[in-house]
Amino acid sequence: MIRRAFTMRLKPGGLAEYKRWHDEIWPELVAEIEKQGIGQITIFEADPVLFLYSEITDEDAWDRLWHTQIHDRWGELMAPLMNYNADGIVDSSIVNEVFHLETKAGKG
């Protein structure tokens, strides 16, 4: 798996609604996320900044997801909450990994 991380920015006051939608994520969106090769997504917040960490099978997994019909529908719900760029994709920046450590703690 490839680790990929992004930062995104919420519009003012959008965090509660953003969290509510993600707490109630659609099963068909989860299926599409899996189909496109995204094995894990974790999102952290420091309102208004979101930090998304993911594990993907290949470099194009996110681009494939962002160009699906189900993600377009999801994007319509997120539009009032998030900043988007001109092509309708969440305005985000890739965060490059500079350090990774795994230990035996918690394994076993």
PDB file of N, CA and C in Angstrom:
ATOM      1  N   MET A   1       0.831  -1.183   0.000  1.00  0.00           N
ATOM      2  CA  MET A   1       0.000   0.000   0.000  1.00  0.00           C
ATOM      3  C   MET A   1       0.877   1.247   0.000  1.00  0.00           C
ATOM      4  N   ILE A   2       0.384   2.254  -0.649  1.00  0.00           N
ATOM      5  CA  ILE A   2       1.019   3.571  -0.686  1.00  0.00           C
ATOM      6  C   ILE A   2       0.308   4.464   0.323  1.00  0.00           C
ATOM      7  N   ARG A   3       1.050   5.183   1.128  1.00  0.00           N
ATOM      8  CA  ARG A   3       0.452   6.138   2.054  1.00  0.00           C
ATOM      9  C   ARG A   3       0.339   7.481   1.350  1.00  0.00           C
ATOM     10  N   ARG A   4      -0.853   8.084   1.400  1.00  0.00           N
ATOM     11  CA  ARG A   4      -1.076   9.389   0.769  1.00  0.00           C
ATOM     12  C   ARG A   4      -1.814  10.280   1.756  1.00  0.00           C
ATOM     13  N   ALA A   5      -1.393  11.524   1.879  1.00  0.00           N
ATOM     14  CA  ALA A   5      -2.034  12.463   2.804  1.00  0.00           C
ATOM     15  C   ALA A   5      -2.307  13.784   2.096  1.00  0.00           C
ATOM     16  N   PHE A   6      -3.375  14.438   2.516  1.00  0.00           N
ATOM     17  CA  PHE A   6      -3.795  15.717   1.954  1.00  0.00           C
ATOM     18  C   PHE A   6      -4.189  16.658   3.087  1.00  0.00           C
ATOM     19  N   THR A   7      -4.086  17.940   2.835  1.00  0.00           N
ATOM     20  CA  THR A   7      -4.755  18.922   3.673  1.00  0.00           C
ATOM     21  C   THR A   7      -5.895  19.499   2.858  1.00  0.00           C
ATOM     22  N   MET A   8      -6.977  19.829   3.526  1.00  0.00           N
ATOM     23  CA  MET A   8      -8.137  20.451   2.902  1.00  0.00           C
ATOM     24  C   MET A   8      -8.615  21.537   3.855  1.00  0.00           C
ATOM     25  N   ARG A   9      -9.410  22.464   3.344  1.00  0.00           N
ATOM     26  CA  ARG A   9      -9.880  23.563   4.185  1.00  0.00           C
ATOM     27  C   ARG A   9     -11.397  23.625   4.137  1.00  0.00           C
ATOM     28  N   LEU A  10     -11.988  23.669   5.329  1.00  0.00           N
ATOM     29  CA  LEU A  10     -13.435  23.840   5.460  1.00  0.00           C
ATOM     30  C   LEU A  10     -13.801  25.314   5.362  1.00  0.00           C
ATOM     31  N   LYS A  11     -15.025  25.568   4.929  1.00  0.00           N
ATOM     32  CA  LYS A  11     -15.578  26.919   5.030  1.00  0.00           C
ATOM     33  C   LYS A  11     -15.931  27.159   6.501  1.00  0.00           C
ATOM     34  N   PRO A  12     -15.965  28.402   6.936  1.00  0.00           N
ATOM     35  CA  PRO A  12     -16.306  28.688   8.340  1.00  0.00           C
ATOM     36  C   PRO A  12     -17.637  28.049   8.748  1.00  0.00           C
ATOM     37  N   GLY A  13     -17.631  27.399   9.896  1.00  0.00           N
ATOM     38  CA  GLY A  13     -18.838  26.782  10.434  1.00  0.00           C
ATOM     39  C   GLY A  13     -19.211  25.444   9.826  1.00  0.00           C
ATOM     40  N   GLY A  14     -18.358  24.875   8.994  1.00  0.00           N
ATOM     41  CA  GLY A  14     -18.707  23.643   8.289  1.00  0.00           C
ATOM     42  C   GLY A  14     -18.376  22.345   8.999  1.00  0.00           C
ATOM     43  N   LEU A  15     -17.616  22.385  10.081  1.00  0.00           N
ATOM     44  CA  LEU A  15     -17.107  21.156  10.687  1.00  0.00           C
ATOM     45  C   LEU A  15     -18.203  20.209  11.174  1.00  0.00           C
ATOM     46  N   ALA A  16     -19.191  20.693  11.901  1.00  0.00           N
ATOM     47  CA  ALA A  16     -20.216  19.806  12.468  1.00  0.00           C
ATOM     48  C   ALA A  16     -20.961  19.067  11.365  1.00  0.00           C
ATOM     49  N   GLU A  17     -21.340  19.785  10.319  1.00  0.00           N
ATOM     50  CA  GLU A  17     -22.066  19.144   9.211  1.00  0.00           C
ATOM     51  C   GLU A  17     -21.154  18.176   8.458  1.00  0.00           C
ATOM     52  N   TYR A  18     -19.913  18.537   8.252  1.00  0.00           N
ATOM     53  CA  TYR A  18     -18.935  17.668   7.595  1.00  0.00           C
ATOM     54  C   TYR A  18     -18.805  16.354   8.374  1.00  0.00           C
ATOM     55  N   LYS A  19     -18.658  16.472   9.687  1.00  0.00           N
ATOM     56  CA  LYS A  19     -18.531  15.280  10.528  1.00  0.00           C
ATOM     57  C   LYS A  19     -19.804  14.443  10.484  1.00  0.00           C
ATOM     58  N   ARG A  20     -20.963  15.091  10.531  1.00  0.00           N
ATOM     59  CA  ARG A  20     -22.228  14.355  10.483  1.00  0.00           C
ATOM     60  C   ARG A  20     -22.337  13.531   9.205  1.00  0.00           C
ATOM     61  N   TRP A  21     -22.032  14.117   8.054  1.00  0.00           N
ATOM     62  CA  TRP A  21     -22.108  13.372   6.797  1.00  0.00           C
ATOM     63  C   TRP A  21     -21.130  12.202   6.795  1.00  0.00           C
ATOM     64  N   HIS A  22     -19.936  12.405   7.327  1.00  0.00           N
ATOM     65  CA  HIS A  22     -18.963  11.307   7.341  1.00  0.00           C
ATOM     66  C   HIS A  22     -19.343  10.229   8.355  1.00  0.00           C
ATOM     67  N   ASP A  23     -20.006  10.608   9.439  1.00  0.00           N
ATOM     68  CA  ASP A  23     -20.510   9.603  10.382  1.00  0.00           C
ATOM     69  C   ASP A  23     -21.602   8.745   9.751  1.00  0.00           C
ATOM     70  N   GLU A  24     -22.265   9.287   8.730  1.00  0.00           N
ATOM     71  CA  GLU A  24     -23.365   8.591   8.054  1.00  0.00           C
ATOM     72  C   GLU A  24     -23.012   8.298   6.596  1.00  0.00           C
ATOM     73  N   ILE A  25     -21.738   8.002   6.321  1.00  0.00           N
ATOM     74  CA  ILE A  25     -21.274   7.800   4.944  1.00  0.00           C
ATOM     75  C   ILE A  25     -22.107   6.721   4.244  1.00  0.00           C
ATOM     76  N   TRP A  26     -22.407   6.950   2.992  1.00  0.00           N
ATOM     77  CA  TRP A  26     -23.234   6.034   2.211  1.00  0.00           C
ATOM     78  C   TRP A  26     -22.490   4.734   1.926  1.00  0.00           C
ATOM     79  N   PRO A  27     -23.153   3.590   2.086  1.00  0.00           N
ATOM     80  CA  PRO A  27     -22.516   2.306   1.764  1.00  0.00           C
ATOM     81  C   PRO A  27     -22.049   2.237   0.308  1.00  0.00           C
ATOM     82  N   GLU A  28     -22.791   2.837  -0.617  1.00  0.00           N
ATOM     83  CA  GLU A  28     -22.382   2.799  -2.025  1.00  0.00           C
ATOM     84  C   GLU A  28     -21.130   3.640  -2.266  1.00  0.00           C
ATOM     85  N   LEU A  29     -20.916   4.687  -1.473  1.00  0.00           N
ATOM     86  CA  LEU A  29     -19.677   5.454  -1.578  1.00  0.00           C
ATOM     87  C   LEU A  29     -18.511   4.649  -1.012  1.00  0.00           C
ATOM     88  N   VAL A  30     -18.740   3.972   0.088  1.00  0.00           N
ATOM     89  CA  VAL A  30     -17.690   3.107   0.655  1.00  0.00           C
ATOM     90  C   VAL A  30     -17.292   2.037  -0.360  1.00  0.00           C
ATOM     91  N   ALA A  31     -18.269   1.450  -1.037  1.00  0.00           N
ATOM     92  CA  ALA A  31     -17.974   0.427  -2.048  1.00  0.00           C
ATOM     93  C   ALA A  31     -17.136   1.009  -3.184  1.00  0.00           C
ATOM     94  N   GLU A  32     -17.453   2.227  -3.591  1.00  0.00           N
ATOM     95  CA  GLU A  32     -16.684   2.870  -4.675  1.00  0.00           C
ATOM     96  C   GLU A  32     -15.272   3.203  -4.213  1.00  0.00           C
ATOM     97  N   ILE A  33     -15.128   3.666  -2.987  1.00  0.00           N
ATOM     98  CA  ILE A  33     -13.805   3.942  -2.420  1.00  0.00           C
ATOM     99  C   ILE A  33     -12.955   2.675  -2.479  1.00  0.00           C
ATOM    100  N   GLU A  34     -13.532   1.565  -2.053  1.00  0.00           N
ATOM    101  CA  GLU A  34     -12.815   0.294  -2.090  1.00  0.00           C
ATOM    102  C   GLU A  34     -12.493  -0.118  -3.519  1.00  0.00           C
ATOM    103  N   LYS A  35     -13.470   0.007  -4.406  1.00  0.00           N
ATOM    104  CA  LYS A  35     -13.288  -0.379  -5.814  1.00  0.00           C
ATOM    105  C   LYS A  35     -12.138   0.390  -6.464  1.00  0.00           C
ATOM    106  N   GLN A  36     -11.976   1.645  -6.097  1.00  0.00           N
ATOM    107  CA  GLN A  36     -10.937   2.471  -6.708  1.00  0.00           C
ATOM    108  C   GLN A  36      -9.555   2.245  -6.097  1.00  0.00           C
ATOM    109  N   GLY A  37      -9.473   1.394  -5.056  1.00  0.00           N
ATOM    110  CA  GLY A  37      -8.167   1.032  -4.507  1.00  0.00           C
ATOM    111  C   GLY A  37      -7.747   1.817  -3.284  1.00  0.00           C
ATOM    112  N   ILE A  38      -8.728   2.380  -2.569  1.00  0.00           N
ATOM    113  CA  ILE A  38      -8.417   3.121  -1.348  1.00  0.00           C
ATOM    114  C   ILE A  38      -8.754   2.212  -0.168  1.00  0.00           C
ATOM    115  N   GLY A  39      -7.724   1.749   0.526  1.00  0.00           N
ATOM    116  CA  GLY A  39      -7.898   0.762   1.583  1.00  0.00           C
ATOM    117  C   GLY A  39      -8.177   1.361   2.951  1.00  0.00           C
ATOM    118  N   GLN A  40      -7.808   2.614   3.153  1.00  0.00           N
ATOM    119  CA  GLN A  40      -8.005   3.248   4.455  1.00  0.00           C
ATOM    120  C   GLN A  40      -8.062   4.752   4.273  1.00  0.00           C
ATOM    121  N   ILE A  41      -8.959   5.382   5.018  1.00  0.00           N
ATOM    122  CA  ILE A  41      -9.025   6.839   5.083  1.00  0.00           C
ATOM    123  C   ILE A  41      -9.202   7.219   6.555  1.00  0.00           C
ATOM    124  N   THR A  42      -8.378   8.125   7.025  1.00  0.00           N
ATOM    125  CA  THR A  42      -8.530   8.705   8.357  1.00  0.00           C
ATOM    126  C   THR A  42      -8.438  10.212   8.178  1.00  0.00           C
ATOM    127  N   ILE A  43      -9.386  10.947   8.768  1.00  0.00           N
ATOM    128  CA  ILE A  43      -9.383  12.402   8.657  1.00  0.00           C
ATOM    129  C   ILE A  43      -9.274  13.002  10.060  1.00  0.00           C
ATOM    130  N   PHE A  44      -8.331  13.919  10.214  1.00  0.00           N
ATOM    131  CA  PHE A  44      -8.140  14.672  11.447  1.00  0.00           C
ATOM    132  C   PHE A  44      -8.535  16.115  11.170  1.00  0.00           C
ATOM    133  N   GLU A  45      -8.916  16.851  12.219  1.00  0.00           N
ATOM    134  CA  GLU A  45      -9.268  18.249  12.023  1.00  0.00           C
ATOM    135  C   GLU A  45      -8.554  19.151  13.010  1.00  0.00           C
ATOM    136  N   ALA A  46      -8.229  20.324  12.515  1.00  0.00           N
ATOM    137  CA  ALA A  46      -7.805  21.464  13.317  1.00  0.00           C
ATOM    138  C   ALA A  46      -8.542  22.623  12.659  1.00  0.00           C
ATOM    139  N   ASP A  47      -9.836  22.656  12.906  1.00  0.00           N
ATOM    140  CA  ASP A  47     -10.783  23.532  12.221  1.00  0.00           C
ATOM    141  C   ASP A  47     -10.184  24.905  11.952  1.00  0.00           C
ATOM    142  N   PRO A  48     -10.120  25.345  10.700  1.00  0.00           N
ATOM    143  CA  PRO A  48     -10.818  24.839   9.532  1.00  0.00           C
ATOM    144  C   PRO A  48     -10.017  23.868   8.673  1.00  0.00           C
ATOM    145  N   VAL A  49      -8.822  23.484   9.100  1.00  0.00           N
ATOM    146  CA  VAL A  49      -7.988  22.601   8.290  1.00  0.00           C
ATOM    147  C   VAL A  49      -8.311  21.143   8.600  1.00  0.00           C
ATOM    148  N   LEU A  50      -8.446  20.351   7.537  1.00  0.00           N
ATOM    149  CA  LEU A  50      -8.592  18.908   7.660  1.00  0.00           C
ATOM    150  C   LEU A  50      -7.310  18.271   7.167  1.00  0.00           C
ATOM    151  N   PHE A  51      -6.916  17.181   7.797  1.00  0.00           N
ATOM    152  CA  PHE A  51      -5.757  16.403   7.370  1.00  0.00           C
ATOM    153  C   PHE A  51      -6.257  15.001   7.086  1.00  0.00           C
ATOM    154  N   LEU A  52      -6.154  14.573   5.838  1.00  0.00           N
ATOM    155  CA  LEU A  52      -6.625  13.262   5.426  1.00  0.00           C
ATOM    156  C   LEU A  52      -5.429  12.352   5.186  1.00  0.00           C
ATOM    157  N   TYR A  53      -5.431  11.206   5.850  1.00  0.00           N
ATOM    158  CA  TYR A  53      -4.415  10.172   5.661  1.00  0.00           C
ATOM    159  C   TYR A  53      -5.097   8.987   5.001  1.00  0.00           C
ATOM    160  N   SER A  54      -4.462   8.412   3.983  1.00  0.00           N
ATOM    161  CA  SER A  54      -5.048   7.252   3.314  1.00  0.00           C
ATOM    162  C   SER A  54      -3.974   6.259   2.923  1.00  0.00           C
ATOM    163  N   GLU A  55      -4.423   5.036   2.721  1.00  0.00           N
ATOM    164  CA  GLU A  55      -3.575   3.992   2.152  1.00  0.00           C
ATOM    165  C   GLU A  55      -4.252   3.535   0.877  1.00  0.00           C
ATOM    166  N   ILE A  56      -3.499   3.612  -0.239  1.00  0.00           N
ATOM    167  CA  ILE A  56      -4.051   3.341  -1.561  1.00  0.00           C
ATOM    168  C   ILE A  56      -3.219   2.282  -2.276  1.00  0.00           C
ATOM    169  N   THR A  57      -3.847   1.619  -3.247  1.00  0.00           N
ATOM    170  CA  THR A  57      -3.149   0.557  -3.973  1.00  0.00           C
ATOM    171  C   THR A  57      -2.248   1.100  -5.072  1.00  0.00           C
ATOM    172  N   ASP A  58      -2.572   2.288  -5.619  1.00  0.00           N
ATOM    173  CA  ASP A  58      -1.765   2.868  -6.685  1.00  0.00           C
ATOM    174  C   ASP A  58      -1.946   4.382  -6.693  1.00  0.00           C
ATOM    175  N   GLU A  59      -1.065   5.073  -7.377  1.00  0.00           N
ATOM    176  CA  GLU A  59      -1.022   6.541  -7.366  1.00  0.00           C
ATOM    177  C   GLU A  59      -2.285   7.198  -7.925  1.00  0.00           C
ATOM    178  N   ASP A  60      -3.056   6.500  -8.757  1.00  0.00           N
ATOM    179  CA  ASP A  60      -4.222   7.099  -9.405  1.00  0.00           C
ATOM    180  C   ASP A  60      -5.536   6.837  -8.681  1.00  0.00           C
ATOM    181  N   ALA A  61      -5.503   6.169  -7.532  1.00  0.00           N
ATOM    182  CA  ALA A  61      -6.737   5.783  -6.837  1.00  0.00           C
ATOM    183  C   ALA A  61      -7.628   6.986  -6.527  1.00  0.00           C
ATOM    184  N   TRP A  62      -7.062   8.036  -5.975  1.00  0.00           N
ATOM    185  CA  TRP A  62      -7.870   9.206  -5.626  1.00  0.00           C
ATOM    186  C   TRP A  62      -8.439   9.875  -6.865  1.00  0.00           C
ATOM    187  N   ASP A  63      -7.640  10.029  -7.909  1.00  0.00           N
ATOM    188  CA  ASP A  63      -8.143  10.650  -9.140  1.00  0.00           C
ATOM    189  C   ASP A  63      -9.313   9.857  -9.715  1.00  0.00           C
ATOM    190  N   ARG A  64      -9.226   8.546  -9.682  1.00  0.00           N
ATOM    191  CA  ARG A  64     -10.338   7.725 -10.187  1.00  0.00           C
ATOM    192  C   ARG A  64     -11.595   7.971  -9.361  1.00  0.00           C
ATOM    193  N   LEU A  65     -11.448   7.990  -8.019  1.00  0.00           N
ATOM    194  CA  LEU A  65     -12.612   8.207  -7.164  1.00  0.00           C
ATOM    195  C   LEU A  65     -13.239   9.566  -7.436  1.00  0.00           C
ATOM    196  N   TRP A  66     -12.414  10.612  -7.533  1.00  0.00           N
ATOM    197  CA  TRP A  66     -12.921  11.972  -7.708  1.00  0.00           C
ATOM    198  C   TRP A  66     -13.687  12.150  -9.016  1.00  0.00           C
ATOM    199  N   HIS A  67     -13.523  11.227  -9.954  1.00  0.00           N
ATOM    200  CA  HIS A  67     -14.201  11.341 -11.246  1.00  0.00           C
ATOM    201  C   HIS A  67     -15.310  10.299 -11.406  1.00  0.00           C
ATOM    202  N   THR A  68     -15.899   9.868 -10.291  1.00  0.00           N
ATOM    203  CA  THR A  68     -17.019   8.925 -10.356  1.00  0.00           C
ATOM    204  C   THR A  68     -18.333   9.653 -10.094  1.00  0.00           C
ATOM    205  N   GLN A  69     -19.413   9.051 -10.559  1.00  0.00           N
ATOM    206  CA  GLN A  69     -20.739   9.625 -10.374  1.00  0.00           C
ATOM    207  C   GLN A  69     -21.121   9.717  -8.896  1.00  0.00           C
ATOM    208  N   ILE A  70     -20.820   8.681  -8.125  1.00  0.00           N
ATOM    209  CA  ILE A  70     -21.180   8.685  -6.701  1.00  0.00           C
ATOM    210  C   ILE A  70     -20.412   9.777  -5.965  1.00  0.00           C
ATOM    211  N   HIS A  71     -19.153   9.992  -6.328  1.00  0.00           N
ATOM    212  CA  HIS A  71     -18.389  11.054  -5.671  1.00  0.00           C
ATOM    213  C   HIS A  71     -18.902  12.426  -6.087  1.00  0.00           C
ATOM    214  N   ASP A  72     -19.393  12.553  -7.317  1.00  0.00           N
ATOM    215  CA  ASP A  72     -20.017  13.811  -7.733  1.00  0.00           C
ATOM    216  C   ASP A  72     -21.216  14.132  -6.844  1.00  0.00           C
ATOM    217  N   ARG A  73     -22.037  13.117  -6.547  1.00  0.00           N
ATOM    218  CA  ARG A  73     -23.190  13.316  -5.661  1.00  0.00           C
ATOM    219  C   ARG A  73     -22.737  13.725  -4.261  1.00  0.00           C
ATOM    220  N   TRP A  74     -21.707  13.052  -3.751  1.00  0.00           N
ATOM    221  CA  TRP A  74     -21.146  13.377  -2.433  1.00  0.00           C
ATOM    222  C   TRP A  74     -20.616  14.810  -2.440  1.00  0.00           C
ATOM    223  N   GLY A  75     -19.951  15.167  -3.529  1.00  0.00           N
ATOM    224  CA  GLY A  75     -19.411  16.509  -3.657  1.00  0.00           C
ATOM    225  C   GLY A  75     -20.473  17.590  -3.591  1.00  0.00           C
ATOM    226  N   GLU A  76     -21.672  17.292  -4.088  1.00  0.00           N
ATOM    227  CA  GLU A  76     -22.778  18.254  -3.999  1.00  0.00           C
ATOM    228  C   GLU A  76     -23.133  18.537  -2.545  1.00  0.00           C
ATOM    229  N   LEU A  77     -23.053  17.519  -1.689  1.00  0.00           N
ATOM    230  CA  LEU A  77     -23.328  17.709  -0.260  1.00  0.00           C
ATOM    231  C   LEU A  77     -22.192  18.460   0.436  1.00  0.00           C
ATOM    232  N   MET A  78     -20.973  18.209  -0.015  1.00  0.00           N
ATOM    233  CA  MET A  78     -19.808  18.829   0.612  1.00  0.00           C
ATOM    234  C   MET A  78     -19.597  20.264   0.134  1.00  0.00           C
ATOM    235  N   ALA A  79     -20.149  20.630  -1.024  1.00  0.00           N
ATOM    236  CA  ALA A  79     -19.897  21.949  -1.625  1.00  0.00           C
ATOM    237  C   ALA A  79     -20.144  23.113  -0.667  1.00  0.00           C
ATOM    238  N   PRO A  80     -21.231  23.104   0.114  1.00  0.00           N
ATOM    239  CA  PRO A  80     -21.423  24.233   1.027  1.00  0.00           C
ATOM    240  C   PRO A  80     -20.438  24.245   2.204  1.00  0.00           C
ATOM    241  N   LEU A  81     -19.732  23.139   2.409  1.00  0.00           N
ATOM    242  CA  LEU A  81     -18.869  22.990   3.582  1.00  0.00           C
ATOM    243  C   LEU A  81     -17.386  23.169   3.279  1.00  0.00           C
ATOM    244  N   MET A  82     -16.996  22.898   2.032  1.00  0.00           N
ATOM    245  CA  MET A  82     -15.586  22.815   1.663  1.00  0.00           C
ATOM    246  C   MET A  82     -15.228  23.882   0.638  1.00  0.00           C
ATOM    247  N   ASN A  83     -13.946  24.167   0.554  1.00  0.00           N
ATOM    248  CA  ASN A  83     -13.426  24.985  -0.536  1.00  0.00           C
ATOM    249  C   ASN A  83     -13.081  24.043  -1.690  1.00  0.00           C
ATOM    250  N   TYR A  84     -13.503  24.412  -2.895  1.00  0.00           N
ATOM    251  CA  TYR A  84     -13.254  23.619  -4.101  1.00  0.00           C
ATOM    252  C   TYR A  84     -12.445  24.440  -5.094  1.00  0.00           C
ATOM    253  N   ASN A  85     -11.706  23.742  -5.975  1.00  0.00           N
ATOM    254  CA  ASN A  85     -11.001  24.461  -7.031  1.00  0.00           C
ATOM    255  C   ASN A  85     -11.871  24.502  -8.292  1.00  0.00           C
ATOM    256  N   ALA A  86     -11.374  25.099  -9.354  1.00  0.00           N
ATOM    257  CA  ALA A  86     -12.162  25.367 -10.555  1.00  0.00           C
ATOM    258  C   ALA A  86     -12.693  24.107 -11.234  1.00  0.00           C
ATOM    259  N   ASP A  87     -12.010  22.971 -11.096  1.00  0.00           N
ATOM    260  CA  ASP A  87     -12.486  21.752 -11.767  1.00  0.00           C
ATOM    261  C   ASP A  87     -13.431  20.927 -10.905  1.00  0.00           C
ATOM    262  N   GLY A  88     -13.894  21.485  -9.786  1.00  0.00           N
ATOM    263  CA  GLY A  88     -14.885  20.805  -8.960  1.00  0.00           C
ATOM    264  C   GLY A  88     -14.310  19.797  -7.979  1.00  0.00           C
ATOM    265  N   ILE A  89     -13.007  19.741  -7.865  1.00  0.00           N
ATOM    266  CA  ILE A  89     -12.348  18.839  -6.926  1.00  0.00           C
ATOM    267  C   ILE A  89     -12.023  19.638  -5.655  1.00  0.00           C
ATOM    268  N   VAL A  90     -12.096  18.983  -4.513  1.00  0.00           N
ATOM    269  CA  VAL A  90     -11.776  19.649  -3.251  1.00  0.00           C
ATOM    270  C   VAL A  90     -10.412  20.317  -3.368  1.00  0.00           C
ATOM    271  N   ASP A  91     -10.352  21.557  -2.959  1.00  0.00           N
ATOM    272  CA  ASP A  91      -9.092  22.292  -2.957  1.00  0.00           C
ATOM    273  C   ASP A  91      -8.201  21.676  -1.889  1.00  0.00           C
ATOM    274  N   SER A  92      -7.208  20.947  -2.343  1.00  0.00           N
ATOM    275  CA  SER A  92      -6.375  20.201  -1.407  1.00  0.00           C
ATOM    276  C   SER A  92      -4.917  20.273  -1.831  1.00  0.00           C
ATOM    277  N   SER A  93      -4.054  19.953  -0.905  1.00  0.00           N
ATOM    278  CA  SER A  93      -2.622  19.895  -1.159  1.00  0.00           C
ATOM    279  C   SER A  93      -2.116  18.554  -0.665  1.00  0.00           C
ATOM    280  N   ILE A  94      -1.280  17.920  -1.462  1.00  0.00           N
ATOM    281  CA  ILE A  94      -0.649  16.673  -1.030  1.00  0.00           C
ATOM    282  C   ILE A  94       0.374  17.004   0.039  1.00  0.00           C
ATOM    283  N   VAL A  95       0.390  16.211   1.085  1.00  0.00           N
ATOM    284  CA  VAL A  95       1.380  16.331   2.150  1.00  0.00           C
ATOM    285  C   VAL A  95       2.375  15.192   1.937  1.00  0.00           C
ATOM    286  N   ASN A  96       3.642  15.515   1.801  1.00  0.00           N
ATOM    287  CA  ASN A  96       4.666  14.504   1.539  1.00  0.00           C
ATOM    288  C   ASN A  96       5.216  13.934   2.834  1.00  0.00           C
ATOM    289  N   GLU A  97       5.347  12.637   2.842  1.00  0.00           N
ATOM    290  CA  GLU A  97       5.872  11.939   4.012  1.00  0.00           C
ATOM    291  C   GLU A  97       7.365  12.208   4.155  1.00  0.00           C
ATOM    292  N   VAL A  98       7.779  12.550   5.361  1.00  0.00           N
ATOM    293  CA  VAL A  98       9.203  12.733   5.629  1.00  0.00           C
ATOM    294  C   VAL A  98       9.715  11.766   6.687  1.00  0.00           C
ATOM    295  N   PHE A  99       8.797  11.092   7.394  1.00  0.00           N
ATOM    296  CA  PHE A  99       9.217  10.140   8.415  1.00  0.00           C
ATOM    297  C   PHE A  99       8.094   9.160   8.667  1.00  0.00           C
ATOM    298  N   HIS A 100       8.447   7.888   8.807  1.00  0.00           N
ATOM    299  CA  HIS A 100       7.481   6.846   9.145  1.00  0.00           C
ATOM    300  C   HIS A 100       8.189   5.850  10.057  1.00  0.00           C
ATOM    301  N   LEU A 101       7.526   5.439  11.131  1.00  0.00           N
ATOM    302  CA  LEU A 101       8.086   4.499  12.075  1.00  0.00           C
ATOM    303  C   LEU A 101       7.006   3.515  12.490  1.00  0.00           C
ATOM    304  N   GLU A 102       7.338   2.261  12.454  1.00  0.00           N
ATOM    305  CA  GLU A 102       6.460   1.222  12.985  1.00  0.00           C
ATOM    306  C   GLU A 102       7.256   0.461  14.035  1.00  0.00           C
ATOM    307  N   THR A 103       6.642   0.191  15.186  1.00  0.00           N
ATOM    308  CA  THR A 103       7.284  -0.585  16.248  1.00  0.00           C
ATOM    309  C   THR A 103       6.430  -1.804  16.561  1.00  0.00           C
ATOM    310  N   LYS A 104       6.890  -2.606  17.456  1.00  0.00           N
ATOM    311  CA  LYS A 104       6.152  -3.793  17.871  1.00  0.00           C
ATOM    312  C   LYS A 104       5.069  -3.479  18.890  1.00  0.00           C
ATOM    313  N   ALA A 105       5.030  -2.255  19.393  1.00  0.00           N
ATOM    314  CA  ALA A 105       4.034  -1.858  20.387  1.00  0.00           C
ATOM    315  C   ALA A 105       2.636  -2.077  19.837  1.00  0.00           C
ATOM    316  N   GLY A 106       1.799  -2.708  20.618  1.00  0.00           N
ATOM    317  CA  GLY A 106       0.415  -2.907  20.216  1.00  0.00           C
ATOM    318  C   GLY A 106       0.207  -4.040  19.231  1.00  0.00           C
ATOM    319  N   LYS A 107       1.228  -4.766  18.890  1.00  0.00           N
ATOM    320  CA  LYS A 107       1.102  -5.881  17.947  1.00  0.00           C
ATOM    321  C   LYS A 107       1.279  -7.182  18.698  1.00  0.00           C
ATOM    322  N   GLY A 108       0.174  -7.660  19.205  1.00  0.00           N
ATOM    323  CA  GLY A 108       0.292  -8.952  19.865  1.00  0.00           C
ATOM    324  C   GLY A 108      -0.217  -8.933  21.207  1.00  0.00           C
TER     325      GLY A 108
END
